[in-house]
Amino acid sequence: LPADPTGARGLATPPISDTFKNWLDAMNGNSDKLDALPLPVAHGSNSQMEYLKLSNGTIIMWGHFNHGKNYPCWKEWASTAGYASDDFTINFPQALVDANPTVLAFARADQNPDTWVLKRSQSYTSFVGCYLCAIEETHNIKECDILVIGKWK
């Protein structure tokens, strides 16, 4: 039922919750501190990734890469660690001020669930990786998603 603030319909007006009042008072008392939260200041992309710059100097970049069958796992990786593909390079849409950003990569292969993305190197402007597979294969379609968190200023 809709609220009945005047009591014209004979409905009781519920009391304001002390919990909500305390939360609202605390929120209003801290409103000047909200300016310190990192706010988005820019969004953009290149041909491979998108990015979001935050006011505190953090940048978040992400991308999805469908490599198709271009990177078969055919090179033996160590003696019993599986097989690696050739390297691929992902160019960041914005240069970073630190050459060691946090990079999270997730790989998928259409017929081989034991496939990973392995970092070979990274810099201010790019990530070089390869696929690592538990078994040798030359026919799987591979995709990867990458999330990069670093500093832009």
C-alpha atoms as a PDB file:
ATOM      1  CA  LEU A   1       0.000   0.000   0.000  1.00  0.00           C
ATOM      2  CA  PRO A   2       1.142   3.566  -0.566  1.00  0.00           C
ATOM      3  CA  ALA A   3       2.248   5.665   2.392  1.00  0.00           C
ATOM      4  CA  ASP A   4      -0.442   7.481   4.372  1.00  0.00           C
ATOM      5  CA  PRO A   5       1.436  10.419   5.956  1.00  0.00           C
ATOM      6  CA  THR A   6      -1.731  12.325   6.909  1.00  0.00           C
ATOM      7  CA  GLY A   7      -3.519   9.325   8.388  1.00  0.00           C
ATOM      8  CA  ALA A   8      -6.533  10.031   6.167  1.00  0.00           C
ATOM      9  CA  ARG A   9      -6.888   6.354   5.284  1.00  0.00           C
ATOM     10  CA  GLY A  10      -6.406   5.233   8.870  1.00  0.00           C
ATOM     11  CA  LEU A  11      -3.025   3.634   8.207  1.00  0.00           C
ATOM     12  CA  ALA A  12      -0.343   3.827  10.850  1.00  0.00           C
ATOM     13  CA  THR A  13       2.830   5.675   9.855  1.00  0.00           C
ATOM     14  CA  PRO A  14       5.836   3.469  10.548  1.00  0.00           C
ATOM     15  CA  PRO A  15       8.537   4.988  12.750  1.00  0.00           C
ATOM     16  CA  ILE A  16      11.870   5.940  11.190  1.00  0.00           C
ATOM     17  CA  SER A  17      14.394   3.230  11.882  1.00  0.00           C
ATOM     18  CA  ASP A  18      17.147   4.243  14.294  1.00  0.00           C
ATOM     19  CA  THR A  19      19.548   2.129  12.231  1.00  0.00           C
ATOM     20  CA  PHE A  20      18.709   4.051   9.061  1.00  0.00           C
ATOM     21  CA  LYS A  21      18.859   7.391  10.895  1.00  0.00           C
ATOM     22  CA  ASN A  22      22.289   6.528  12.308  1.00  0.00           C
ATOM     23  CA  TRP A  23      23.513   5.502   8.845  1.00  0.00           C
ATOM     24  CA  LEU A  24      22.135   8.677   7.272  1.00  0.00           C
ATOM     25  CA  ASP A  25      23.750  10.865   9.948  1.00  0.00           C
ATOM     26  CA  ALA A  26      27.092   9.109   9.455  1.00  0.00           C
ATOM     27  CA  MET A  27      26.817   9.430   5.671  1.00  0.00           C
ATOM     28  CA  ASN A  28      26.041  13.140   5.902  1.00  0.00           C
ATOM     29  CA  GLY A  29      28.847  13.621   8.420  1.00  0.00           C
ATOM     30  CA  ASN A  30      31.345  11.995   6.049  1.00  0.00           C
ATOM     31  CA  SER A  31      30.181  13.569   2.791  1.00  0.00           C
ATOM     32  CA  ASP A  32      33.236  15.856   2.641  1.00  0.00           C
ATOM     33  CA  LYS A  33      35.481  12.767   2.610  1.00  0.00           C
ATOM     34  CA  LEU A  34      33.831  11.359  -0.530  1.00  0.00           C
ATOM     35  CA  ASP A  35      35.971  13.727  -2.607  1.00  0.00           C
ATOM     36  CA  ALA A  36      38.964  11.487  -1.822  1.00  0.00           C
ATOM     37  CA  LEU A  37      37.452   8.497  -3.661  1.00  0.00           C
ATOM     38  CA  PRO A  38      39.083   7.816  -7.032  1.00  0.00           C
ATOM     39  CA  LEU A  39      36.704   9.060  -9.689  1.00  0.00           C
ATOM     40  CA  PRO A  40      36.830   8.084 -13.364  1.00  0.00           C
ATOM     41  CA  VAL A  41      38.497  10.855 -15.372  1.00  0.00           C
ATOM     42  CA  ALA A  42      38.945   9.256 -18.818  1.00  0.00           C
ATOM     43  CA  HIS A  43      37.876   6.246 -20.850  1.00  0.00           C
ATOM     44  CA  GLY A  44      39.277   5.149 -24.174  1.00  0.00           C
ATOM     45  CA  SER A  45      40.628   2.302 -26.238  1.00  0.00           C
ATOM     46  CA  ASN A  46      43.058   1.187 -28.890  1.00  0.00           C
ATOM     47  CA  SER A  47      42.483  -1.615 -31.396  1.00  0.00           C
ATOM     48  CA  GLN A  48      43.077  -4.244 -28.698  1.00  0.00           C
ATOM     49  CA  MET A  49      41.981  -2.962 -25.282  1.00  0.00           C
ATOM     50  CA  GLU A  50      39.846  -0.468 -23.377  1.00  0.00           C
ATOM     51  CA  TYR A  51      40.915   1.567 -20.365  1.00  0.00           C
ATOM     52  CA  LEU A  52      39.516   3.591 -17.496  1.00  0.00           C
ATOM     53  CA  LYS A  53      41.706   6.215 -15.809  1.00  0.00           C
ATOM     54  CA  LEU A  54      40.930   7.109 -12.198  1.00  0.00           C
ATOM     55  CA  SER A  55      41.691  10.407 -10.464  1.00  0.00           C
ATOM     56  CA  ASN A  56      44.148   8.785  -8.030  1.00  0.00           C
ATOM     57  CA  GLY A  57      46.489   7.756 -10.885  1.00  0.00           C
ATOM     58  CA  THR A  58      45.242   4.181 -11.226  1.00  0.00           C
ATOM     59  CA  ILE A  59      44.419   2.842 -14.672  1.00  0.00           C
ATOM     60  CA  ILE A  60      42.427  -0.292 -15.406  1.00  0.00           C
ATOM     61  CA  MET A  61      42.797  -1.841 -18.863  1.00  0.00           C
ATOM     62  CA  TRP A  62      41.010  -4.895 -20.251  1.00  0.00           C
ATOM     63  CA  GLY A  63      40.639  -6.810 -23.462  1.00  0.00           C
ATOM     64  CA  HIS A  64      39.408 -10.020 -25.066  1.00  0.00           C
ATOM     65  CA  PHE A  65      41.612 -11.691 -27.657  1.00  0.00           C
ATOM     66  CA  ASN A  66      40.417 -14.414 -30.004  1.00  0.00           C
ATOM     67  CA  HIS A  67      43.644 -15.825 -31.417  1.00  0.00           C
ATOM     68  CA  GLY A  68      41.886 -18.583 -33.322  1.00  0.00           C
ATOM     69  CA  LYS A  69      44.324 -21.336 -34.316  1.00  0.00           C
ATOM     70  CA  ASN A  70      47.265 -18.901 -34.642  1.00  0.00           C
ATOM     71  CA  TYR A  71      49.108 -20.075 -31.510  1.00  0.00           C
ATOM     72  CA  PRO A  72      49.364 -23.881 -31.371  1.00  0.00           C
ATOM     73  CA  CYS A  73      51.136 -25.385 -28.361  1.00  0.00           C
ATOM     74  CA  TRP A  74      53.911 -27.282 -30.095  1.00  0.00           C
ATOM     75  CA  LYS A  75      57.179 -26.316 -28.330  1.00  0.00           C
ATOM     76  CA  GLU A  76      58.148 -28.489 -25.384  1.00  0.00           C
ATOM     77  CA  TRP A  77      58.120 -26.438 -22.171  1.00  0.00           C
ATOM     78  CA  ALA A  78      60.713 -27.789 -19.722  1.00  0.00           C
ATOM     79  CA  SER A  79      60.973 -31.556 -19.504  1.00  0.00           C
ATOM     80  CA  THR A  80      57.474 -32.449 -18.268  1.00  0.00           C
ATOM     81  CA  ALA A  81      55.658 -29.131 -17.933  1.00  0.00           C
ATOM     82  CA  GLY A  82      53.704 -29.240 -21.200  1.00  0.00           C
ATOM     83  CA  TYR A  83      53.935 -27.343 -24.467  1.00  0.00           C
ATOM     84  CA  ALA A  84      54.084 -23.653 -25.311  1.00  0.00           C
ATOM     85  CA  SER A  85      52.941 -21.582 -28.265  1.00  0.00           C
ATOM     86  CA  ASP A  86      54.853 -18.839 -30.015  1.00  0.00           C
ATOM     87  CA  ASP A  87      54.766 -15.480 -28.219  1.00  0.00           C
ATOM     88  CA  PHE A  88      52.068 -12.890 -28.817  1.00  0.00           C
ATOM     89  CA  THR A  89      52.152  -9.189 -27.934  1.00  0.00           C
ATOM     90  CA  ILE A  90      49.338  -7.102 -26.492  1.00  0.00           C
ATOM     91  CA  ASN A  91      49.851  -3.341 -26.742  1.00  0.00           C
ATOM     92  CA  PHE A  92      48.395  -1.274 -23.920  1.00  0.00           C
ATOM     93  CA  PRO A  93      46.135   1.631 -24.954  1.00  0.00           C
ATOM     94  CA  GLN A  94      47.974   3.953 -22.516  1.00  0.00           C
ATOM     95  CA  ALA A  95      51.606   3.941 -21.396  1.00  0.00           C
ATOM     96  CA  LEU A  96      52.174   3.222 -17.718  1.00  0.00           C
ATOM     97  CA  VAL A  97      54.604   4.882 -15.306  1.00  0.00           C
ATOM     98  CA  ASP A  98      55.533   1.509 -13.781  1.00  0.00           C
ATOM     99  CA  ALA A  99      56.810  -1.436 -15.825  1.00  0.00           C
ATOM    100  CA  ASN A 100      55.315  -3.938 -13.353  1.00  0.00           C
ATOM    101  CA  PRO A 101      51.521  -3.598 -13.471  1.00  0.00           C
ATOM    102  CA  THR A 102      49.257  -6.306 -12.134  1.00  0.00           C
ATOM    103  CA  VAL A 103      48.237  -8.499 -15.076  1.00  0.00           C
ATOM    104  CA  LEU A 104      45.552 -11.140 -14.768  1.00  0.00           C
ATOM    105  CA  ALA A 105      45.090 -13.402 -17.785  1.00  0.00           C
ATOM    106  CA  PHE A 106      42.585 -16.177 -18.349  1.00  0.00           C
ATOM    107  CA  ALA A 107      42.802 -18.573 -21.312  1.00  0.00           C
ATOM    108  CA  ARG A 108      40.221 -20.757 -23.028  1.00  0.00           C
ATOM    109  CA  ALA A 109      40.736 -23.407 -25.681  1.00  0.00           C
ATOM    110  CA  ASP A 110      37.859 -25.056 -27.509  1.00  0.00           C
ATOM    111  CA  GLN A 111      39.031 -28.651 -26.934  1.00  0.00           C
ATOM    112  CA  ASN A 112      41.770 -28.443 -24.300  1.00  0.00           C
ATOM    113  CA  PRO A 113      40.698 -27.289 -20.830  1.00  0.00           C
ATOM    114  CA  ASP A 114      44.309 -27.355 -19.574  1.00  0.00           C
ATOM    115  CA  THR A 115      45.429 -24.155 -21.312  1.00  0.00           C
ATOM    116  CA  TRP A 116      46.923 -21.091 -19.626  1.00  0.00           C
ATOM    117  CA  VAL A 117      48.426 -17.733 -20.586  1.00  0.00           C
ATOM    118  CA  LEU A 118      52.046 -17.430 -19.500  1.00  0.00           C
ATOM    119  CA  LYS A 119      53.738 -14.030 -19.122  1.00  0.00           C
ATOM    120  CA  ARG A 120      57.018 -13.840 -21.024  1.00  0.00           C
ATOM    121  CA  SER A 121      57.649 -10.142 -20.341  1.00  0.00           C
ATOM    122  CA  GLN A 122      55.859  -6.858 -19.775  1.00  0.00           C
ATOM    123  CA  SER A 123      56.793  -3.228 -20.006  1.00  0.00           C
ATOM    124  CA  TYR A 124      55.333   0.258 -19.758  1.00  0.00           C
ATOM    125  CA  THR A 125      53.506  -0.243 -23.052  1.00  0.00           C
ATOM    126  CA  SER A 126      52.906  -3.949 -23.656  1.00  0.00           C
ATOM    127  CA  PHE A 127      52.513  -7.510 -22.420  1.00  0.00           C
ATOM    128  CA  VAL A 128      54.198 -10.434 -24.164  1.00  0.00           C
ATOM    129  CA  GLY A 129      52.764 -13.847 -23.437  1.00  0.00           C
ATOM    130  CA  CYS A 130      52.248 -17.308 -24.828  1.00  0.00           C
ATOM    131  CA  TYR A 131      49.818 -20.135 -24.332  1.00  0.00           C
ATOM    132  CA  LEU A 132      50.897 -23.098 -22.221  1.00  0.00           C
ATOM    133  CA  CYS A 133      49.080 -26.405 -22.730  1.00  0.00           C
ATOM    134  CA  ALA A 134      49.284 -29.662 -20.806  1.00  0.00           C
ATOM    135  CA  ILE A 135      49.372 -31.635 -24.061  1.00  0.00           C
ATOM    136  CA  GLU A 136      50.861 -30.927 -27.463  1.00  0.00           C
ATOM    137  CA  GLU A 137      48.216 -29.645 -29.851  1.00  0.00           C
ATOM    138  CA  THR A 138      48.083 -27.802 -33.135  1.00  0.00           C
ATOM    139  CA  HIS A 139      44.372 -27.390 -33.826  1.00  0.00           C
ATOM    140  CA  ASN A 140      42.653 -25.711 -30.858  1.00  0.00           C
ATOM    141  CA  ILE A 141      41.065 -22.294 -31.087  1.00  0.00           C
ATOM    142  CA  LYS A 142      42.412 -20.156 -28.231  1.00  0.00           C
ATOM    143  CA  GLU A 143      41.076 -17.026 -26.577  1.00  0.00           C
ATOM    144  CA  CYS A 144      42.248 -15.003 -23.618  1.00  0.00           C
ATOM    145  CA  ASP A 145      40.932 -12.211 -21.443  1.00  0.00           C
ATOM    146  CA  ILE A 146      43.401  -9.833 -19.851  1.00  0.00           C
ATOM    147  CA  LEU A 147      42.955  -7.334 -17.013  1.00  0.00           C
ATOM    148  CA  VAL A 148      45.777  -4.862 -16.266  1.00  0.00           C
ATOM    149  CA  ILE A 149      45.886  -2.595 -13.202  1.00  0.00           C
ATOM    150  CA  GLY A 150      48.687  -0.035 -13.051  1.00  0.00           C
ATOM    151  CA  LYS A 151      49.520   3.651 -12.687  1.00  0.00           C
ATOM    152  CA  TRP A 152      49.127   6.275 -15.391  1.00  0.00           C
ATOM    153  CA  LYS A 153      50.650   9.216 -13.519  1.00  0.00           C
END
